[in-house]
PDB file of N, CA and C in Angstrom:
ATOM      1  N   MET A   1      -2.478 -16.993   6.537  1.00  0.00           N
ATOM      2  CA  MET A   1      -1.176 -17.606   6.641  1.00  0.00           C
ATOM      3  C   MET A   1      -0.749 -18.049   5.176  1.00  0.00           C
ATOM      4  N   ALA A   2       0.603 -17.945   4.995  1.00  0.00           N
ATOM      5  CA  ALA A   2       1.087 -18.243   3.720  1.00  0.00           C
ATOM      6  C   ALA A   2       1.353 -19.726   3.742  1.00  0.00           C
ATOM      7  N   THR A   3       1.331 -20.437   2.638  1.00  0.00           N
ATOM      8  CA  THR A   3       1.628 -21.898   2.436  1.00  0.00           C
ATOM      9  C   THR A   3       2.990 -22.008   1.984  1.00  0.00           C
ATOM     10  N   ILE A   4       3.932 -22.720   2.633  1.00  0.00           N
ATOM     11  CA  ILE A   4       5.265 -23.039   2.171  1.00  0.00           C
ATOM     12  C   ILE A   4       5.394 -24.545   1.874  1.00  0.00           C
ATOM     13  N   LYS A   5       5.785 -24.844   0.647  1.00  0.00           N
ATOM     14  CA  LYS A   5       5.898 -26.162   0.273  1.00  0.00           C
ATOM     15  C   LYS A   5       7.410 -26.386   0.026  1.00  0.00           C
ATOM     16  N   PHE A   6       7.953 -27.322   0.844  1.00  0.00           N
ATOM     17  CA  PHE A   6       9.377 -27.627   0.871  1.00  0.00           C
ATOM     18  C   PHE A   6       9.509 -28.941   0.064  1.00  0.00           C
ATOM     19  N   THR A   7      10.558 -29.013  -0.773  1.00  0.00           N
ATOM     20  CA  THR A   7      11.035 -30.222  -1.425  1.00  0.00           C
ATOM     21  C   THR A   7      12.554 -30.153  -1.241  1.00  0.00           C
ATOM     22  N   PHE A   8      13.040 -31.397  -1.294  1.00  0.00           N
ATOM     23  CA  PHE A   8      14.509 -31.535  -1.084  1.00  0.00           C
ATOM     24  C   PHE A   8      15.329 -32.122  -2.120  1.00  0.00           C
ATOM     25  N   GLU A   9      16.497 -31.652  -2.345  1.00  0.00           N
ATOM     26  CA  GLU A   9      17.449 -32.440  -3.266  1.00  0.00           C
ATOM     27  C   GLU A   9      17.755 -33.811  -2.752  1.00  0.00           C
ATOM     28  N   ASP A  10      17.748 -33.984  -1.524  1.00  0.00           N
ATOM     29  CA  ASP A  10      18.060 -35.308  -0.807  1.00  0.00           C
ATOM     30  C   ASP A  10      16.838 -36.179  -1.101  1.00  0.00           C
ATOM     31  N   PRO A  11      16.883 -37.301  -1.827  1.00  0.00           N
ATOM     32  CA  PRO A  11      15.734 -38.064  -2.066  1.00  0.00           C
ATOM     33  C   PRO A  11      15.280 -38.881  -0.923  1.00  0.00           C
ATOM     34  N   LYS A  12      16.058 -38.883   0.208  1.00  0.00           N
ATOM     35  CA  LYS A  12      15.508 -39.583   1.421  1.00  0.00           C
ATOM     36  C   LYS A  12      14.582 -38.738   2.191  1.00  0.00           C
ATOM     37  N   ILE A  13      14.547 -37.380   1.974  1.00  0.00           N
ATOM     38  CA  ILE A  13      13.637 -36.478   2.700  1.00  0.00           C
ATOM     39  C   ILE A  13      12.352 -36.225   1.996  1.00  0.00           C
ATOM     40  N   GLU A  14      11.283 -36.522   2.662  1.00  0.00           N
ATOM     41  CA  GLU A  14       9.972 -36.424   2.129  1.00  0.00           C
ATOM     42  C   GLU A  14       9.594 -34.824   2.018  1.00  0.00           C
ATOM     43  N   PRO A  15       8.803 -34.390   1.082  1.00  0.00           N
ATOM     44  CA  PRO A  15       8.385 -33.074   0.948  1.00  0.00           C
ATOM     45  C   PRO A  15       7.521 -32.692   2.189  1.00  0.00           C
ATOM     46  N   LYS A  16       7.511 -31.465   2.472  1.00  0.00           N
ATOM     47  CA  LYS A  16       6.716 -31.069   3.678  1.00  0.00           C
ATOM     48  C   LYS A  16       6.122 -29.715   3.359  1.00  0.00           C
ATOM     49  N   THR A  17       4.810 -29.565   3.633  1.00  0.00           N
ATOM     50  CA  THR A  17       4.050 -28.407   3.591  1.00  0.00           C
ATOM     51  C   THR A  17       3.628 -27.796   4.946  1.00  0.00           C
ATOM     52  N   VAL A  18       3.917 -26.385   5.080  1.00  0.00           N
ATOM     53  CA  VAL A  18       3.615 -25.915   6.407  1.00  0.00           C
ATOM     54  C   VAL A  18       3.072 -24.426   6.114  1.00  0.00           C
ATOM     55  N   GLU A  19       2.479 -23.922   7.276  1.00  0.00           N
ATOM     56  CA  GLU A  19       1.975 -22.569   7.181  1.00  0.00           C
ATOM     57  C   GLU A  19       2.951 -21.593   7.976  1.00  0.00           C
ATOM     58  N   ALA A  20       2.993 -20.293   7.426  1.00  0.00           N
ATOM     59  CA  ALA A  20       3.877 -19.314   8.021  1.00  0.00           C
ATOM     60  C   ALA A  20       3.042 -18.008   7.943  1.00  0.00           C
ATOM     61  N   ALA A  21       3.496 -17.147   8.903  1.00  0.00           N
ATOM     62  CA  ALA A  21       2.886 -15.757   9.035  1.00  0.00           C
ATOM     63  C   ALA A  21       3.637 -14.807   8.184  1.00  0.00           C
ATOM     64  N   GLU A  22       2.988 -13.789   7.728  1.00  0.00           N
ATOM     65  CA  GLU A  22       3.752 -12.722   7.102  1.00  0.00           C
ATOM     66  C   GLU A  22       4.754 -12.077   7.990  1.00  0.00           C
ATOM     67  N   GLY A  23       5.943 -11.683   7.502  1.00  0.00           N
ATOM     68  CA  GLY A  23       7.011 -11.160   8.422  1.00  0.00           C
ATOM     69  C   GLY A  23       7.949 -12.217   8.839  1.00  0.00           C
ATOM     70  N   GLU A  24       7.602 -13.551   8.736  1.00  0.00           N
ATOM     71  CA  GLU A  24       8.672 -14.503   8.935  1.00  0.00           C
ATOM     72  C   GLU A  24       9.560 -14.683   7.811  1.00  0.00           C
ATOM     73  N   SER A  25      10.863 -15.149   8.109  1.00  0.00           N
ATOM     74  CA  SER A  25      11.765 -15.493   7.061  1.00  0.00           C
ATOM     75  C   SER A  25      11.668 -17.055   6.723  1.00  0.00           C
ATOM     76  N   ILE A  26      12.071 -17.451   5.516  1.00  0.00           N
ATOM     77  CA  ILE A  26      12.050 -18.840   5.218  1.00  0.00           C
ATOM     78  C   ILE A  26      12.908 -19.685   6.308  1.00  0.00           C
ATOM     79  N   LEU A  27      14.081 -19.021   6.701  1.00  0.00           N
ATOM     80  CA  LEU A  27      14.829 -19.646   7.781  1.00  0.00           C
ATOM     81  C   LEU A  27      14.059 -19.873   9.007  1.00  0.00           C
ATOM     82  N   ASP A  28      13.324 -19.006   9.438  1.00  0.00           N
ATOM     83  CA  ASP A  28      12.455 -18.936  10.642  1.00  0.00           C
ATOM     84  C   ASP A  28      11.519 -20.130  10.504  1.00  0.00           C
ATOM     85  N   VAL A  29      10.956 -20.250   9.346  1.00  0.00           N
ATOM     86  CA  VAL A  29       9.958 -21.294   9.114  1.00  0.00           C
ATOM     87  C   VAL A  29      10.727 -22.577   9.189  1.00  0.00           C
ATOM     88  N   THR A  30      11.816 -22.874   8.727  1.00  0.00           N
ATOM     89  CA  THR A  30      12.608 -24.155   8.745  1.00  0.00           C
ATOM     90  C   THR A  30      12.764 -24.446  10.191  1.00  0.00           C
ATOM     91  N   GLU A  31      13.197 -23.395  10.934  1.00  0.00           N
ATOM     92  CA  GLU A  31      13.510 -23.668  12.412  1.00  0.00           C
ATOM     93  C   GLU A  31      12.189 -24.023  13.202  1.00  0.00           C
ATOM     94  N   ASP A  32      11.109 -23.373  12.857  1.00  0.00           N
ATOM     95  CA  ASP A  32       9.855 -23.674  13.565  1.00  0.00           C
ATOM     96  C   ASP A  32       9.239 -25.078  13.345  1.00  0.00           C
ATOM     97  N   HIS A  33       9.658 -25.541  12.053  1.00  0.00           N
ATOM     98  CA  HIS A  33       8.972 -26.870  11.687  1.00  0.00           C
ATOM     99  C   HIS A  33      10.101 -27.996  11.568  1.00  0.00           C
ATOM    100  N   HIS A  34      11.126 -27.773  12.134  1.00  0.00           N
ATOM    101  CA  HIS A  34      12.121 -28.871  12.228  1.00  0.00           C
ATOM    102  C   HIS A  34      12.636 -29.351  10.846  1.00  0.00           C
ATOM    103  N   ILE A  35      12.842 -28.344   9.962  1.00  0.00           N
ATOM    104  CA  ILE A  35      13.401 -28.769   8.627  1.00  0.00           C
ATOM    105  C   ILE A  35      14.888 -28.362   8.692  1.00  0.00           C
ATOM    106  N   HIS A  36      15.674 -29.312   8.488  1.00  0.00           N
ATOM    107  CA  HIS A  36      17.191 -29.081   8.639  1.00  0.00           C
ATOM    108  C   HIS A  36      17.648 -28.153   7.272  1.00  0.00           C
ATOM    109  N   LEU A  37      18.237 -26.970   7.899  1.00  0.00           N
ATOM    110  CA  LEU A  37      18.832 -26.090   6.881  1.00  0.00           C
ATOM    111  C   LEU A  37      19.980 -25.344   7.669  1.00  0.00           C
ATOM    112  N   ASN A  38      21.179 -25.648   7.143  1.00  0.00           N
ATOM    113  CA  ASN A  38      22.371 -24.993   7.778  1.00  0.00           C
ATOM    114  C   ASN A  38      22.209 -23.553   7.804  1.00  0.00           C
ATOM    115  N   HIS A  39      22.771 -22.819   8.692  1.00  0.00           N
ATOM    116  CA  HIS A  39      22.914 -21.365   8.751  1.00  0.00           C
ATOM    117  C   HIS A  39      23.982 -21.007   9.704  1.00  0.00           C
ATOM    118  N   ASN A  40      25.237 -21.036   9.177  1.00  0.00           N
ATOM    119  CA  ASN A  40      26.422 -20.797  10.083  1.00  0.00           C
ATOM    120  C   ASN A  40      26.477 -19.471  10.707  1.00  0.00           C
ATOM    121  N   CYS A  41      25.917 -18.424  10.025  1.00  0.00           N
ATOM    122  CA  CYS A  41      26.096 -16.961  10.469  1.00  0.00           C
ATOM    123  C   CYS A  41      25.000 -16.747  11.517  1.00  0.00           C
ATOM    124  N   GLY A  42      24.115 -17.523  11.695  1.00  0.00           N
ATOM    125  CA  GLY A  42      22.877 -17.261  12.547  1.00  0.00           C
ATOM    126  C   GLY A  42      21.767 -16.478  11.833  1.00  0.00           C
ATOM    127  N   GLY A  43      21.889 -16.357  10.532  1.00  0.00           N
ATOM    128  CA  GLY A  43      20.726 -15.697   9.954  1.00  0.00           C
ATOM    129  C   GLY A  43      21.001 -14.257   9.654  1.00  0.00           C
ATOM    130  N   VAL A  44      22.206 -13.803   9.616  1.00  0.00           N
ATOM    131  CA  VAL A  44      22.401 -12.374   9.473  1.00  0.00           C
ATOM    132  C   VAL A  44      22.953 -11.970   8.081  1.00  0.00           C
ATOM    133  N   CYS A  45      22.872 -12.854   7.081  1.00  0.00           N
ATOM    134  CA  CYS A  45      23.346 -12.625   5.782  1.00  0.00           C
ATOM    135  C   CYS A  45      24.872 -12.267   5.611  1.00  0.00           C
ATOM    136  N   ALA A  46      25.546 -13.209   6.314  1.00  0.00           N
ATOM    137  CA  ALA A  46      27.063 -13.158   6.369  1.00  0.00           C
ATOM    138  C   ALA A  46      27.682 -14.495   5.840  1.00  0.00           C
ATOM    139  N   CYS A  47      26.894 -15.370   5.177  1.00  0.00           N
ATOM    140  CA  CYS A  47      27.499 -16.485   4.693  1.00  0.00           C
ATOM    141  C   CYS A  47      26.409 -16.993   3.617  1.00  0.00           C
ATOM    142  N   SER A  48      26.664 -18.150   3.091  1.00  0.00           N
ATOM    143  CA  SER A  48      25.704 -18.670   1.982  1.00  0.00           C
ATOM    144  C   SER A  48      25.142 -20.005   2.483  1.00  0.00           C
ATOM    145  N   THR A  49      25.321 -20.424   3.625  1.00  0.00           N
ATOM    146  CA  THR A  49      24.965 -21.844   3.969  1.00  0.00           C
ATOM    147  C   THR A  49      23.398 -22.032   4.101  1.00  0.00           C
ATOM    148  N   CYS A  50      22.646 -21.054   4.078  1.00  0.00           N
ATOM    149  CA  CYS A  50      21.087 -21.099   4.221  1.00  0.00           C
ATOM    150  C   CYS A  50      20.599 -20.995   2.780  1.00  0.00           C
ATOM    151  N   HIS A  51      21.427 -21.210   1.768  1.00  0.00           N
ATOM    152  CA  HIS A  51      20.992 -21.038   0.353  1.00  0.00           C
ATOM    153  C   HIS A  51      19.806 -22.145  -0.004  1.00  0.00           C
ATOM    154  N   VAL A  52      18.775 -21.554  -0.662  1.00  0.00           N
ATOM    155  CA  VAL A  52      17.679 -22.342  -1.108  1.00  0.00           C
ATOM    156  C   VAL A  52      17.275 -21.904  -2.547  1.00  0.00           C
ATOM    157  N   TYR A  53      16.376 -22.671  -3.206  1.00  0.00           N
ATOM    158  CA  TYR A  53      15.884 -22.198  -4.571  1.00  0.00           C
ATOM    159  C   TYR A  53      14.418 -21.917  -4.229  1.00  0.00           C
ATOM    160  N   VAL A  54      14.008 -20.855  -4.728  1.00  0.00           N
ATOM    161  CA  VAL A  54      12.605 -20.381  -4.606  1.00  0.00           C
ATOM    162  C   VAL A  54      12.014 -20.779  -5.994  1.00  0.00           C
ATOM    163  N   GLU A  55      11.308 -21.933  -6.062  1.00  0.00           N
ATOM    164  CA  GLU A  55      10.762 -22.458  -7.186  1.00  0.00           C
ATOM    165  C   GLU A  55       9.365 -21.780  -7.711  1.00  0.00           C
ATOM    166  N   SER A  56       8.694 -21.176  -6.773  1.00  0.00           N
ATOM    167  CA  SER A  56       7.613 -20.301  -7.248  1.00  0.00           C
ATOM    168  C   SER A  56       7.184 -19.533  -5.976  1.00  0.00           C
ATOM    169  N   GLY A  57       6.534 -18.371  -6.269  1.00  0.00           N
ATOM    170  CA  GLY A  57       6.056 -17.595  -5.143  1.00  0.00           C
ATOM    171  C   GLY A  57       7.199 -16.409  -4.729  1.00  0.00           C
ATOM    172  N   GLU A  58       8.075 -16.227  -5.582  1.00  0.00           N
ATOM    173  CA  GLU A  58       9.097 -15.184  -5.384  1.00  0.00           C
ATOM    174  C   GLU A  58       8.587 -13.853  -5.078  1.00  0.00           C
ATOM    175  N   ASP A  59       7.447 -13.524  -5.693  1.00  0.00           N
ATOM    176  CA  ASP A  59       6.826 -12.077  -5.573  1.00  0.00           C
ATOM    177  C   ASP A  59       6.274 -12.003  -4.084  1.00  0.00           C
ATOM    178  N   ALA A  60       6.056 -13.096  -3.420  1.00  0.00           N
ATOM    179  CA  ALA A  60       5.564 -13.007  -2.034  1.00  0.00           C
ATOM    180  C   ALA A  60       6.637 -12.828  -1.007  1.00  0.00           C
ATOM    181  N   LEU A  61       7.808 -12.689  -1.488  1.00  0.00           N
ATOM    182  CA  LEU A  61       9.004 -12.529  -0.563  1.00  0.00           C
ATOM    183  C   LEU A  61       9.689 -11.184  -0.788  1.00  0.00           C
ATOM    184  N   GLU A  62      10.393 -10.658   0.265  1.00  0.00           N
ATOM    185  CA  GLU A  62      11.016  -9.429   0.262  1.00  0.00           C
ATOM    186  C   GLU A  62      12.125  -9.450  -1.003  1.00  0.00           C
ATOM    187  N   GLU A  63      12.271  -8.304  -1.706  1.00  0.00           N
ATOM    188  CA  GLU A  63      13.118  -8.327  -2.879  1.00  0.00           C
ATOM    189  C   GLU A  63      14.685  -8.647  -2.397  1.00  0.00           C
ATOM    190  N   ILE A  64      15.416  -9.162  -3.283  1.00  0.00           N
ATOM    191  CA  ILE A  64      16.739  -9.517  -2.998  1.00  0.00           C
ATOM    192  C   ILE A  64      17.603  -8.302  -2.911  1.00  0.00           C
ATOM    193  N   SER A  65      18.524  -8.315  -2.049  1.00  0.00           N
ATOM    194  CA  SER A  65      19.491  -7.087  -1.747  1.00  0.00           C
ATOM    195  C   SER A  65      20.654  -7.319  -2.510  1.00  0.00           C
ATOM    196  N   ASP A  66      21.601  -6.332  -2.670  1.00  0.00           N
ATOM    197  CA  ASP A  66      22.837  -6.411  -3.277  1.00  0.00           C
ATOM    198  C   ASP A  66      23.744  -7.283  -2.556  1.00  0.00           C
ATOM    199  N   LYS A  67      23.612  -7.101  -1.063  1.00  0.00           N
ATOM    200  CA  LYS A  67      24.475  -7.995  -0.209  1.00  0.00           C
ATOM    201  C   LYS A  67      24.087  -9.518  -0.293  1.00  0.00           C
ATOM    202  N   GLU A  68      22.792  -9.642  -0.378  1.00  0.00           N
ATOM    203  CA  GLU A  68      22.348 -11.064  -0.547  1.00  0.00           C
ATOM    204  C   GLU A  68      22.938 -11.611  -1.835  1.00  0.00           C
ATOM    205  N   GLU A  69      22.755 -10.996  -2.971  1.00  0.00           N
ATOM    206  CA  GLU A  69      23.346 -11.505  -4.280  1.00  0.00           C
ATOM    207  C   GLU A  69      24.922 -11.669  -4.034  1.00  0.00           C
ATOM    208  N   ASP A  70      25.636 -10.881  -3.301  1.00  0.00           N
ATOM    209  CA  ASP A  70      27.069 -11.187  -3.339  1.00  0.00           C
ATOM    210  C   ASP A  70      27.292 -12.386  -2.580  1.00  0.00           C
ATOM    211  N   PHE A  71      26.483 -12.864  -1.549  1.00  0.00           N
ATOM    212  CA  PHE A  71      26.675 -14.067  -0.788  1.00  0.00           C
ATOM    213  C   PHE A  71      26.238 -15.244  -1.586  1.00  0.00           C
ATOM    214  N   ILE A  72      25.244 -15.085  -2.426  1.00  0.00           N
ATOM    215  CA  ILE A  72      24.630 -16.291  -3.212  1.00  0.00           C
ATOM    216  C   ILE A  72      25.662 -16.609  -4.224  1.00  0.00           C
ATOM    217  N   ASP A  73      26.548 -15.718  -4.767  1.00  0.00           N
ATOM    218  CA  ASP A  73      27.574 -15.957  -5.604  1.00  0.00           C
ATOM    219  C   ASP A  73      28.592 -16.959  -5.012  1.00  0.00           C
ATOM    220  N   ARG A  74      28.607 -17.122  -3.653  1.00  0.00           N
ATOM    221  CA  ARG A  74      29.429 -17.932  -3.056  1.00  0.00           C
ATOM    222  C   ARG A  74      28.778 -19.332  -2.683  1.00  0.00           C
ATOM    223  N   ALA A  75      27.558 -19.556  -2.934  1.00  0.00           N
ATOM    224  CA  ALA A  75      26.806 -20.759  -2.655  1.00  0.00           C
ATOM    225  C   ALA A  75      27.192 -21.886  -3.639  1.00  0.00           C
ATOM    226  N   ILE A  76      26.850 -23.213  -3.234  1.00  0.00           N
ATOM    227  CA  ILE A  76      27.133 -24.298  -4.061  1.00  0.00           C
ATOM    228  C   ILE A  76      25.995 -24.351  -5.172  1.00  0.00           C
ATOM    229  N   ASN A  77      26.191 -24.384  -6.420  1.00  0.00           N
ATOM    230  CA  ASN A  77      25.297 -24.444  -7.442  1.00  0.00           C
ATOM    231  C   ASN A  77      24.214 -23.296  -7.528  1.00  0.00           C
ATOM    232  N   PRO A  78      24.703 -21.938  -7.397  1.00  0.00           N
ATOM    233  CA  PRO A  78      23.665 -20.894  -7.557  1.00  0.00           C
ATOM    234  C   PRO A  78      23.022 -20.911  -8.908  1.00  0.00           C
ATOM    235  N   ARG A  79      21.600 -20.579  -8.837  1.00  0.00           N
ATOM    236  CA  ARG A  79      20.910 -20.500 -10.065  1.00  0.00           C
ATOM    237  C   ARG A  79      20.089 -19.147  -9.866  1.00  0.00           C
ATOM    238  N   LEU A  80      19.342 -18.833 -11.080  1.00  0.00           N
ATOM    239  CA  LEU A  80      18.628 -17.569 -10.993  1.00  0.00           C
ATOM    240  C   LEU A  80      17.596 -17.612  -9.907  1.00  0.00           C
ATOM    241  N   GLU A  81      17.064 -18.660  -9.481  1.00  0.00           N
ATOM    242  CA  GLU A  81      16.114 -18.691  -8.400  1.00  0.00           C
ATOM    243  C   GLU A  81      16.719 -18.916  -6.973  1.00  0.00           C
ATOM    244  N   SER A  82      18.023 -18.686  -6.889  1.00  0.00           N
ATOM    245  CA  SER A  82      18.647 -18.820  -5.515  1.00  0.00           C
ATOM    246  C   SER A  82      18.314 -17.691  -4.686  1.00  0.00           C
ATOM    247  N   ARG A  83      18.231 -17.984  -3.386  1.00  0.00           N
ATOM    248  CA  ARG A  83      18.067 -16.998  -2.442  1.00  0.00           C
ATOM    249  C   ARG A  83      18.700 -17.545  -1.120  1.00  0.00           C
ATOM    250  N   LEU A  84      18.845 -16.567  -0.133  1.00  0.00           N
ATOM    251  CA  LEU A  84      19.281 -17.005   1.206  1.00  0.00           C
ATOM    252  C   LEU A  84      18.092 -17.036   2.086  1.00  0.00           C
ATOM    253  N   ALA A  85      17.795 -18.111   2.770  1.00  0.00           N
ATOM    254  CA  ALA A  85      16.515 -18.267   3.451  1.00  0.00           C
ATOM    255  C   ALA A  85      16.482 -17.317   4.569  1.00  0.00           C
ATOM    256  N   CYS A  86      17.528 -16.770   5.150  1.00  0.00           N
ATOM    257  CA  CYS A  86      17.495 -15.850   6.119  1.00  0.00           C
ATOM    258  C   CYS A  86      17.018 -14.499   5.597  1.00  0.00           C
ATOM    259  N   GLN A  87      17.122 -14.229   4.440  1.00  0.00           N
ATOM    260  CA  GLN A  87      16.712 -12.949   3.849  1.00  0.00           C
ATOM    261  C   GLN A  87      15.290 -12.974   3.125  1.00  0.00           C
ATOM    262  N   CYS A  88      14.747 -14.174   3.039  1.00  0.00           N
ATOM    263  CA  CYS A  88      13.459 -14.204   2.362  1.00  0.00           C
ATOM    264  C   CYS A  88      12.399 -14.059   3.306  1.00  0.00           C
ATOM    265  N   GLU A  89      11.983 -12.820   3.639  1.00  0.00           N
ATOM    266  CA  GLU A  89      10.962 -12.559   4.395  1.00  0.00           C
ATOM    267  C   GLU A  89       9.520 -12.497   3.665  1.00  0.00           C
ATOM    268  N   ILE A  90       8.631 -13.090   4.289  1.00  0.00           N
ATOM    269  CA  ILE A  90       7.233 -13.265   3.602  1.00  0.00           C
ATOM    270  C   ILE A  90       6.543 -12.003   3.745  1.00  0.00           C
ATOM    271  N   ILE A  91       6.209 -11.394   2.575  1.00  0.00           N
ATOM    272  CA  ILE A  91       5.506 -10.145   2.587  1.00  0.00           C
ATOM    273  C   ILE A  91       3.935 -10.249   2.101  1.00  0.00           C
ATOM    274  N   ASP A  92       3.545 -11.531   1.800  1.00  0.00           N
ATOM    275  CA  ASP A  92       2.223 -11.824   1.367  1.00  0.00           C
ATOM    276  C   ASP A  92       1.677 -12.953   2.198  1.00  0.00           C
ATOM    277  N   GLY A  93       0.830 -12.700   3.156  1.00  0.00           N
ATOM    278  CA  GLY A  93       0.424 -13.749   4.081  1.00  0.00           C
ATOM    279  C   GLY A  93      -0.596 -14.784   3.365  1.00  0.00           C
ATOM    280  N   ASP A  94      -0.950 -14.567   2.249  1.00  0.00           N
ATOM    281  CA  ASP A  94      -1.863 -15.466   1.389  1.00  0.00           C
ATOM    282  C   ASP A  94      -1.171 -16.245   0.315  1.00  0.00           C
ATOM    283  N   ALA A  95       0.110 -16.120   0.309  1.00  0.00           N
ATOM    284  CA  ALA A  95       0.837 -16.704  -0.777  1.00  0.00           C
ATOM    285  C   ALA A  95       1.082 -18.181  -0.672  1.00  0.00           C
ATOM    286  N   ILE A  96       1.371 -18.843  -1.761  1.00  0.00           N
ATOM    287  CA  ILE A  96       1.824 -20.036  -1.848  1.00  0.00           C
ATOM    288  C   ILE A  96       3.276 -20.077  -2.451  1.00  0.00           C
ATOM    289  N   ILE A  97       4.115 -20.548  -1.587  1.00  0.00           N
ATOM    290  CA  ILE A  97       5.628 -20.392  -1.886  1.00  0.00           C
ATOM    291  C   ILE A  97       6.194 -21.775  -1.927  1.00  0.00           C
ATOM    292  N   GLU A  98       7.013 -22.070  -3.025  1.00  0.00           N
ATOM    293  CA  GLU A  98       7.657 -23.483  -3.218  1.00  0.00           C
ATOM    294  C   GLU A  98       9.130 -23.316  -3.056  1.00  0.00           C
ATOM    295  N   ILE A  99       9.664 -23.918  -2.139  1.00  0.00           N
ATOM    296  CA  ILE A  99      11.145 -23.860  -1.824  1.00  0.00           C
ATOM    297  C   ILE A  99      11.834 -25.156  -1.971  1.00  0.00           C
ATOM    298  N   LYS A 100      12.877 -25.329  -2.738  1.00  0.00           N
ATOM    299  CA  LYS A 100      13.708 -26.504  -2.889  1.00  0.00           C
ATOM    300  C   LYS A 100      14.929 -26.289  -1.947  1.00  0.00           C
ATOM    301  N   VAL A 101      15.181 -27.174  -1.041  1.00  0.00           N
ATOM    302  CA  VAL A 101      16.297 -27.142  -0.149  1.00  0.00           C
ATOM    303  C   VAL A 101      17.538 -28.058  -0.809  1.00  0.00           C
ATOM    304  N   PRO A 102      18.672 -27.322  -0.994  1.00  0.00           N
ATOM    305  CA  PRO A 102      19.792 -28.190  -1.588  1.00  0.00           C
ATOM    306  C   PRO A 102      20.136 -29.219  -0.572  1.00  0.00           C
ATOM    307  N   ASP A 103      20.906 -30.185  -1.185  1.00  0.00           N
ATOM    308  CA  ASP A 103      21.466 -31.310  -0.332  1.00  0.00           C
ATOM    309  C   ASP A 103      22.424 -30.708   0.736  1.00  0.00           C
ATOM    310  N   GLN A 104      21.983 -30.866   2.039  1.00  0.00           N
ATOM    311  CA  GLN A 104      22.728 -30.278   3.092  1.00  0.00           C
ATOM    312  C   GLN A 104      24.047 -31.091   3.354  1.00  0.00           C
ATOM    313  N   SER A 105      24.120 -32.270   2.932  1.00  0.00           N
ATOM    314  CA  SER A 105      25.278 -32.973   3.149  1.00  0.00           C
ATOM    315  C   SER A 105      26.600 -32.448   2.400  1.00  0.00           C
ATOM    316  N   LYS A 106      26.315 -31.619   1.354  1.00  0.00           N
ATOM    317  CA  LYS A 106      27.390 -30.950   0.562  1.00  0.00           C
ATOM    318  C   LYS A 106      27.867 -29.595   1.087  1.00  0.00           C
ATOM    319  N   ILE A 107      27.162 -29.203   2.316  1.00  0.00           N
ATOM    320  CA  ILE A 107      27.560 -27.982   2.893  1.00  0.00           C
ATOM    321  C   ILE A 107      28.250 -28.159   4.102  1.00  0.00           C
ATOM    322  N   ILE A 108      29.492 -27.560   4.175  1.00  0.00           N
ATOM    323  CA  ILE A 108      30.278 -27.691   5.402  1.00  0.00           C
ATOM    324  C   ILE A 108      29.740 -26.606   6.386  1.00  0.00           C
ATOM    325  N   GLY A 109      29.235 -27.076   7.471  1.00  0.00           N
ATOM    326  CA  GLY A 109      28.660 -26.072   8.411  1.00  0.00           C
ATOM    327  C   GLY A 109      28.281 -26.735   9.641  1.00  0.00           C
ATOM    328  N   HIS A 110      27.601 -25.992  10.469  1.00  0.00           N
ATOM    329  CA  HIS A 110      27.052 -26.494  11.682  1.00  0.00           C
ATOM    330  C   HIS A 110      25.713 -27.156  11.549  1.00  0.00           C
ATOM    331  N   GLU A 111      25.542 -28.224  12.353  1.00  0.00           N
ATOM    332  CA  GLU A 111      24.170 -28.849  12.222  1.00  0.00           C
ATOM    333  C   GLU A 111      23.225 -27.999  13.040  1.00  0.00           C
ATOM    334  N   HIS A 112      22.163 -27.627  12.507  1.00  0.00           N
ATOM    335  CA  HIS A 112      21.080 -26.915  13.190  1.00  0.00           C
ATOM    336  C   HIS A 112      19.664 -27.637  13.168  1.00  0.00           C
TER     337      HIS A 112
END
């Protein structure tokens, strides 16, 4: 199982470390472990609301696609380490991946 360490821009939310299986997306992991992350399009790479920062472990995730890059450009505060959680499929089951979740209060979207 891969280890996913979540930290949050919102200082009121405590960091959380969970395990995930190869083949799961970071969005799947947030849903399975009750970590709030907006995803207006339902996880089909059609918006930017599930935007996260991959702080480390990017080699353990599926490569970024051109379509994903296009949507990241629409996210709030995109950076070089920006990804869409719905597209971050875990490809190394032994990895340690660190994800920072942007402040969800700044994102207009559905509560999930």
